Amino acid sequence: MGIVNIEDALHDQLRRAARASCRSINGQAAFWIRIGMLGELNPGLTFQELVARELTAAGVAAPAPDGVAA
């Protein structure tokens, strides 16, 4: 494990995003890094597709939308 140096403005945005997403600052940074890496490796997928794929791989099942039978 190491230390990553980032500019102050990016750290401020990271802190704000972490608070909005109910994540730690390190957790938010890891999320952004992972999504960025997946985006580079899978340029044809959207952000939503990347997140859905990761959630499915983790065994998370989305509830059926309101009014739709499961």
PDB file of N, CA and C in Angstrom:
ATOM      1  N   MET A   1       0.849  -1.167   0.000  1.00  0.00           N
ATOM      2  CA  MET A   1       0.000   0.000   0.000  1.00  0.00           C
ATOM      3  C   MET A   1       0.896   1.231   0.000  1.00  0.00           C
ATOM      4  N   GLY A   2       0.487   2.240  -0.725  1.00  0.00           N
ATOM      5  CA  GLY A   2       1.314   3.422  -0.824  1.00  0.00           C
ATOM      6  C   GLY A   2       0.493   4.692  -0.692  1.00  0.00           C
ATOM      7  N   ILE A   3       1.168   5.785  -0.842  1.00  0.00           N
ATOM      8  CA  ILE A   3       0.529   7.098  -0.761  1.00  0.00           C
ATOM      9  C   ILE A   3       0.476   7.675  -2.169  1.00  0.00           C
ATOM     10  N   VAL A   4      -0.657   8.249  -2.504  1.00  0.00           N
ATOM     11  CA  VAL A   4      -0.835   8.887  -3.802  1.00  0.00           C
ATOM     12  C   VAL A   4      -0.951  10.389  -3.574  1.00  0.00           C
ATOM     13  N   ASN A   5      -0.127  11.154  -4.245  1.00  0.00           N
ATOM     14  CA  ASN A   5      -0.198  12.608  -4.145  1.00  0.00           C
ATOM     15  C   ASN A   5      -1.121  13.145  -5.225  1.00  0.00           C
ATOM     16  N   ILE A   6      -2.135  13.898  -4.814  1.00  0.00           N
ATOM     17  CA  ILE A   6      -3.040  14.537  -5.764  1.00  0.00           C
ATOM     18  C   ILE A   6      -3.117  16.023  -5.432  1.00  0.00           C
ATOM     19  N   GLU A   7      -3.503  16.806  -6.410  1.00  0.00           N
ATOM     20  CA  GLU A   7      -3.577  18.250  -6.185  1.00  0.00           C
ATOM     21  C   GLU A   7      -4.709  18.581  -5.212  1.00  0.00           C
ATOM     22  N   ASP A   8      -4.581  19.699  -4.544  1.00  0.00           N
ATOM     23  CA  ASP A   8      -5.532  20.100  -3.515  1.00  0.00           C
ATOM     24  C   ASP A   8      -6.967  20.209  -4.032  1.00  0.00           C
ATOM     25  N   ALA A   9      -7.128  20.756  -5.231  1.00  0.00           N
ATOM     26  CA  ALA A   9      -8.481  20.921  -5.784  1.00  0.00           C
ATOM     27  C   ALA A   9      -9.153  19.570  -6.007  1.00  0.00           C
ATOM     28  N   LEU A  10      -8.403  18.581  -6.478  1.00  0.00           N
ATOM     29  CA  LEU A  10      -8.965  17.249  -6.680  1.00  0.00           C
ATOM     30  C   LEU A  10      -9.295  16.604  -5.334  1.00  0.00           C
ATOM     31  N   HIS A  11      -8.444  16.793  -4.344  1.00  0.00           N
ATOM     32  CA  HIS A  11      -8.718  16.248  -3.008  1.00  0.00           C
ATOM     33  C   HIS A  11      -9.993  16.854  -2.433  1.00  0.00           C
ATOM     34  N   ASP A  12     -10.198  18.143  -2.655  1.00  0.00           N
ATOM     35  CA  ASP A  12     -11.416  18.799  -2.179  1.00  0.00           C
ATOM     36  C   ASP A  12     -12.646  18.188  -2.845  1.00  0.00           C
ATOM     37  N   GLN A  13     -12.572  17.958  -4.153  1.00  0.00           N
ATOM     38  CA  GLN A  13     -13.693  17.335  -4.863  1.00  0.00           C
ATOM     39  C   GLN A  13     -13.914  15.903  -4.377  1.00  0.00           C
ATOM     40  N   LEU A  14     -12.836  15.210  -4.111  1.00  0.00           N
ATOM     41  CA  LEU A  14     -12.903  13.842  -3.587  1.00  0.00           C
ATOM     42  C   LEU A  14     -13.604  13.819  -2.231  1.00  0.00           C
ATOM     43  N   ARG A  15     -13.251  14.745  -1.372  1.00  0.00           N
ATOM     44  CA  ARG A  15     -13.872  14.840  -0.046  1.00  0.00           C
ATOM     45  C   ARG A  15     -15.365  15.123  -0.167  1.00  0.00           C
ATOM     46  N   ARG A  16     -15.743  16.031  -1.052  1.00  0.00           N
ATOM     47  CA  ARG A  16     -17.164  16.362  -1.242  1.00  0.00           C
ATOM     48  C   ARG A  16     -17.939  15.179  -1.828  1.00  0.00           C
ATOM     49  N   ALA A  17     -17.356  14.507  -2.804  1.00  0.00           N
ATOM     50  CA  ALA A  17     -18.013  13.342  -3.412  1.00  0.00           C
ATOM     51  C   ALA A  17     -18.165  12.215  -2.401  1.00  0.00           C
ATOM     52  N   ALA A  18     -17.162  12.030  -1.548  1.00  0.00           N
ATOM     53  CA  ALA A  18     -17.228  10.992  -0.521  1.00  0.00           C
ATOM     54  C   ALA A  18     -18.378  11.254   0.434  1.00  0.00           C
ATOM     55  N   ARG A  19     -18.545  12.486   0.825  1.00  0.00           N
ATOM     56  CA  ARG A  19     -19.634  12.844   1.739  1.00  0.00           C
ATOM     57  C   ARG A  19     -20.985  12.603   1.066  1.00  0.00           C
ATOM     58  N   ALA A  20     -21.123  13.001  -0.188  1.00  0.00           N
ATOM     59  CA  ALA A  20     -22.387  12.828  -0.907  1.00  0.00           C
ATOM     60  C   ALA A  20     -22.708  11.357  -1.153  1.00  0.00           C
ATOM     61  N   SER A  21     -21.679  10.526  -1.294  1.00  0.00           N
ATOM     62  CA  SER A  21     -21.866   9.099  -1.590  1.00  0.00           C
ATOM     63  C   SER A  21     -21.827   8.213  -0.347  1.00  0.00           C
ATOM     64  N   CYS A  22     -21.703   8.835   0.834  1.00  0.00           N
ATOM     65  CA  CYS A  22     -21.612   8.090   2.099  1.00  0.00           C
ATOM     66  C   CYS A  22     -20.452   7.095   2.075  1.00  0.00           C
ATOM     67  N   ARG A  23     -19.318   7.535   1.541  1.00  0.00           N
ATOM     68  CA  ARG A  23     -18.099   6.728   1.513  1.00  0.00           C
ATOM     69  C   ARG A  23     -17.010   7.471   2.266  1.00  0.00           C
ATOM     70  N   SER A  24     -15.992   6.733   2.675  1.00  0.00           N
ATOM     71  CA  SER A  24     -14.797   7.386   3.206  1.00  0.00           C
ATOM     72  C   SER A  24     -14.073   8.045   2.027  1.00  0.00           C
ATOM     73  N   ILE A  25     -13.161   8.936   2.331  1.00  0.00           N
ATOM     74  CA  ILE A  25     -12.383   9.562   1.253  1.00  0.00           C
ATOM     75  C   ILE A  25     -11.593   8.497   0.512  1.00  0.00           C
ATOM     76  N   ASN A  26     -10.981   7.556   1.240  1.00  0.00           N
ATOM     77  CA  ASN A  26     -10.239   6.478   0.583  1.00  0.00           C
ATOM     78  C   ASN A  26     -11.167   5.602  -0.247  1.00  0.00           C
ATOM     79  N   GLY A  27     -12.366   5.321   0.279  1.00  0.00           N
ATOM     80  CA  GLY A  27     -13.335   4.511  -0.463  1.00  0.00           C
ATOM     81  C   GLY A  27     -13.772   5.195  -1.751  1.00  0.00           C
ATOM     82  N   GLN A  28     -13.969   6.509  -1.698  1.00  0.00           N
ATOM     83  CA  GLN A  28     -14.365   7.254  -2.898  1.00  0.00           C
ATOM     84  C   GLN A  28     -13.230   7.256  -3.915  1.00  0.00           C
ATOM     85  N   ALA A  29     -12.001   7.449  -3.437  1.00  0.00           N
ATOM     86  CA  ALA A  29     -10.855   7.429  -4.350  1.00  0.00           C
ATOM     87  C   ALA A  29     -10.732   6.067  -5.008  1.00  0.00           C
ATOM     88  N   ALA A  30     -10.898   5.001  -4.232  1.00  0.00           N
ATOM     89  CA  ALA A  30     -10.811   3.650  -4.795  1.00  0.00           C
ATOM     90  C   ALA A  30     -11.910   3.429  -5.828  1.00  0.00           C
ATOM     91  N   PHE A  31     -13.116   3.931  -5.559  1.00  0.00           N
ATOM     92  CA  PHE A  31     -14.222   3.799  -6.511  1.00  0.00           C
ATOM     93  C   PHE A  31     -13.891   4.513  -7.820  1.00  0.00           C
ATOM     94  N   TRP A  32     -13.444   5.761  -7.711  1.00  0.00           N
ATOM     95  CA  TRP A  32     -13.098   6.503  -8.919  1.00  0.00           C
ATOM     96  C   TRP A  32     -11.975   5.826  -9.693  1.00  0.00           C
ATOM     97  N   ILE A  33     -10.976   5.327  -8.999  1.00  0.00           N
ATOM     98  CA  ILE A  33      -9.856   4.648  -9.666  1.00  0.00           C
ATOM     99  C   ILE A  33     -10.348   3.391 -10.373  1.00  0.00           C
ATOM    100  N   ARG A  34     -11.163   2.593  -9.676  1.00  0.00           N
ATOM    101  CA  ARG A  34     -11.670   1.345 -10.266  1.00  0.00           C
ATOM    102  C   ARG A  34     -12.536   1.628 -11.500  1.00  0.00           C
ATOM    103  N   ILE A  35     -13.463   2.582 -11.378  1.00  0.00           N
ATOM    104  CA  ILE A  35     -14.341   2.908 -12.508  1.00  0.00           C
ATOM    105  C   ILE A  35     -13.521   3.476 -13.665  1.00  0.00           C
ATOM    106  N   GLY A  36     -12.540   4.292 -13.356  1.00  0.00           N
ATOM    107  CA  GLY A  36     -11.676   4.833 -14.413  1.00  0.00           C
ATOM    108  C   GLY A  36     -10.908   3.741 -15.133  1.00  0.00           C
ATOM    109  N   MET A  37     -10.376   2.789 -14.363  1.00  0.00           N
ATOM    110  CA  MET A  37      -9.641   1.673 -14.958  1.00  0.00           C
ATOM    111  C   MET A  37     -10.581   0.821 -15.824  1.00  0.00           C
ATOM    112  N   LEU A  38     -11.766   0.516 -15.285  1.00  0.00           N
ATOM    113  CA  LEU A  38     -12.729  -0.281 -16.054  1.00  0.00           C
ATOM    114  C   LEU A  38     -13.170   0.456 -17.317  1.00  0.00           C
ATOM    115  N   GLY A  39     -13.312   1.772 -17.217  1.00  0.00           N
ATOM    116  CA  GLY A  39     -13.679   2.569 -18.392  1.00  0.00           C
ATOM    117  C   GLY A  39     -12.609   2.521 -19.471  1.00  0.00           C
ATOM    118  N   GLU A  40     -11.357   2.567 -19.079  1.00  0.00           N
ATOM    119  CA  GLU A  40     -10.269   2.474 -20.056  1.00  0.00           C
ATOM    120  C   GLU A  40     -10.193   1.091 -20.688  1.00  0.00           C
ATOM    121  N   LEU A  41     -10.472   0.051 -19.883  1.00  0.00           N
ATOM    122  CA  LEU A  41     -10.413  -1.317 -20.395  1.00  0.00           C
ATOM    123  C   LEU A  41     -11.640  -1.712 -21.201  1.00  0.00           C
ATOM    124  N   ASN A  42     -12.753  -0.983 -20.999  1.00  0.00           N
ATOM    125  CA  ASN A  42     -14.022  -1.290 -21.673  1.00  0.00           C
ATOM    126  C   ASN A  42     -14.622  -0.008 -22.240  1.00  0.00           C
ATOM    127  N   PRO A  43     -13.977   0.586 -23.246  1.00  0.00           N
ATOM    128  CA  PRO A  43     -14.420   1.902 -23.729  1.00  0.00           C
ATOM    129  C   PRO A  43     -15.822   1.909 -24.349  1.00  0.00           C
ATOM    130  N   GLY A  44     -16.364   0.754 -24.691  1.00  0.00           N
ATOM    131  CA  GLY A  44     -17.700   0.708 -25.282  1.00  0.00           C
ATOM    132  C   GLY A  44     -18.824   0.676 -24.267  1.00  0.00           C
ATOM    133  N   LEU A  45     -18.487   0.599 -22.970  1.00  0.00           N
ATOM    134  CA  LEU A  45     -19.521   0.532 -21.937  1.00  0.00           C
ATOM    135  C   LEU A  45     -19.727   1.898 -21.290  1.00  0.00           C
ATOM    136  N   THR A  46     -20.970   2.190 -20.920  1.00  0.00           N
ATOM    137  CA  THR A  46     -21.271   3.425 -20.216  1.00  0.00           C
ATOM    138  C   THR A  46     -20.953   3.252 -18.732  1.00  0.00           C
ATOM    139  N   PHE A  47     -20.943   4.357 -18.004  1.00  0.00           N
ATOM    140  CA  PHE A  47     -20.748   4.312 -16.563  1.00  0.00           C
ATOM    141  C   PHE A  47     -21.787   3.401 -15.915  1.00  0.00           C
ATOM    142  N   GLN A  48     -23.044   3.555 -16.309  1.00  0.00           N
ATOM    143  CA  GLN A  48     -24.117   2.746 -15.733  1.00  0.00           C
ATOM    144  C   GLN A  48     -23.906   1.264 -16.026  1.00  0.00           C
ATOM    145  N   GLU A  49     -23.444   0.939 -17.221  1.00  0.00           N
ATOM    146  CA  GLU A  49     -23.181  -0.458 -17.564  1.00  0.00           C
ATOM    147  C   GLU A  49     -22.019  -1.025 -16.742  1.00  0.00           C
ATOM    148  N   LEU A  50     -20.997  -0.223 -16.539  1.00  0.00           N
ATOM    149  CA  LEU A  50     -19.867  -0.675 -15.725  1.00  0.00           C
ATOM    150  C   LEU A  50     -20.307  -0.950 -14.294  1.00  0.00           C
ATOM    151  N   VAL A  51     -21.068  -0.029 -13.713  1.00  0.00           N
ATOM    152  CA  VAL A  51     -21.530  -0.204 -12.334  1.00  0.00           C
ATOM    153  C   VAL A  51     -22.463  -1.402 -12.238  1.00  0.00           C
ATOM    154  N   ALA A  52     -23.379  -1.545 -13.182  1.00  0.00           N
ATOM    155  CA  ALA A  52     -24.305  -2.684 -13.164  1.00  0.00           C
ATOM    156  C   ALA A  52     -23.539  -3.996 -13.254  1.00  0.00           C
ATOM    157  N   ARG A  53     -22.533  -4.043 -14.099  1.00  0.00           N
ATOM    158  CA  ARG A  53     -21.723  -5.254 -14.237  1.00  0.00           C
ATOM    159  C   ARG A  53     -21.008  -5.590 -12.939  1.00  0.00           C
ATOM    160  N   GLU A  54     -20.447  -4.578 -12.271  1.00  0.00           N
ATOM    161  CA  GLU A  54     -19.748  -4.794 -11.007  1.00  0.00           C
ATOM    162  C   GLU A  54     -20.714  -5.241  -9.911  1.00  0.00           C
ATOM    163  N   LEU A  55     -21.891  -4.641  -9.863  1.00  0.00           N
ATOM    164  CA  LEU A  55     -22.883  -5.040  -8.864  1.00  0.00           C
ATOM    165  C   LEU A  55     -23.338  -6.475  -9.090  1.00  0.00           C
ATOM    166  N   THR A  56     -23.586  -6.836 -10.338  1.00  0.00           N
ATOM    167  CA  THR A  56     -23.991  -8.204 -10.659  1.00  0.00           C
ATOM    168  C   THR A  56     -22.896  -9.192 -10.272  1.00  0.00           C
ATOM    169  N   ALA A  57     -21.651  -8.860 -10.581  1.00  0.00           N
ATOM    170  CA  ALA A  57     -20.530  -9.735 -10.238  1.00  0.00           C
ATOM    171  C   ALA A  57     -20.393  -9.910  -8.726  1.00  0.00           C
ATOM    172  N   ALA A  58     -20.822  -8.894  -7.966  1.00  0.00           N
ATOM    173  CA  ALA A  58     -20.757  -8.969  -6.504  1.00  0.00           C
ATOM    174  C   ALA A  58     -21.974  -9.658  -5.908  1.00  0.00           C
ATOM    175  N   GLY A  59     -22.930 -10.051  -6.773  1.00  0.00           N
ATOM    176  CA  GLY A  59     -24.113 -10.756  -6.293  1.00  0.00           C
ATOM    177  C   GLY A  59     -25.243  -9.859  -5.838  1.00  0.00           C
ATOM    178  N   VAL A  60     -25.205  -8.608  -6.223  1.00  0.00           N
ATOM    179  CA  VAL A  60     -26.268  -7.662  -5.844  1.00  0.00           C
ATOM    180  C   VAL A  60     -27.378  -7.757  -6.884  1.00  0.00           C
ATOM    181  N   ALA A  61     -28.604  -8.015  -6.414  1.00  0.00           N
ATOM    182  CA  ALA A  61     -29.770  -8.097  -7.310  1.00  0.00           C
ATOM    183  C   ALA A  61     -30.597  -6.842  -7.155  1.00  0.00           C
ATOM    184  N   ALA A  62     -30.877  -6.191  -8.253  1.00  0.00           N
ATOM    185  CA  ALA A  62     -31.690  -4.975  -8.223  1.00  0.00           C
ATOM    186  C   ALA A  62     -33.148  -5.337  -8.009  1.00  0.00           C
ATOM    187  N   PRO A  63     -33.848  -4.599  -7.173  1.00  0.00           N
ATOM    188  CA  PRO A  63     -35.285  -4.849  -7.003  1.00  0.00           C
ATOM    189  C   PRO A  63     -36.032  -4.482  -8.290  1.00  0.00           C
ATOM    190  N   ALA A  64     -37.180  -5.119  -8.493  1.00  0.00           N
ATOM    191  CA  ALA A  64     -38.000  -4.805  -9.663  1.00  0.00           C
ATOM    192  C   ALA A  64     -38.539  -3.386  -9.519  1.00  0.00           C
ATOM    193  N   PRO A  65     -38.640  -2.649 -10.620  1.00  0.00           N
ATOM    194  CA  PRO A  65     -39.197  -1.290 -10.572  1.00  0.00           C
ATOM    195  C   PRO A  65     -40.646  -1.344 -10.075  1.00  0.00           C
ATOM    196  N   ASP A  66     -41.119  -0.244  -9.496  1.00  0.00           N
ATOM    197  CA  ASP A  66     -42.493  -0.179  -9.025  1.00  0.00           C
ATOM    198  C   ASP A  66     -43.467  -0.524 -10.153  1.00  0.00           C
ATOM    199  N   GLY A  67     -44.438  -1.351  -9.833  1.00  0.00           N
ATOM    200  CA  GLY A  67     -45.462  -1.706 -10.808  1.00  0.00           C
ATOM    201  C   GLY A  67     -45.096  -2.846 -11.718  1.00  0.00           C
ATOM    202  N   VAL A  68     -43.892  -3.417 -11.567  1.00  0.00           N
ATOM    203  CA  VAL A  68     -43.452  -4.513 -12.407  1.00  0.00           C
ATOM    204  C   VAL A  68     -43.332  -5.764 -11.542  1.00  0.00           C
ATOM    205  N   ALA A  69     -43.984  -6.838 -11.965  1.00  0.00           N
ATOM    206  CA  ALA A  69     -43.908  -8.085 -11.214  1.00  0.00           C
ATOM    207  C   ALA A  69     -42.517  -8.697 -11.333  1.00  0.00           C
ATOM    208  N   ALA A  70     -42.039  -9.247 -10.243  1.00  0.00           N
ATOM    209  CA  ALA A  70     -40.691  -9.833 -10.235  1.00  0.00           C
ATOM    210  C   ALA A  70     -40.662 -11.192 -10.853  1.00  0.00           C
TER     211      ALA A  70
END
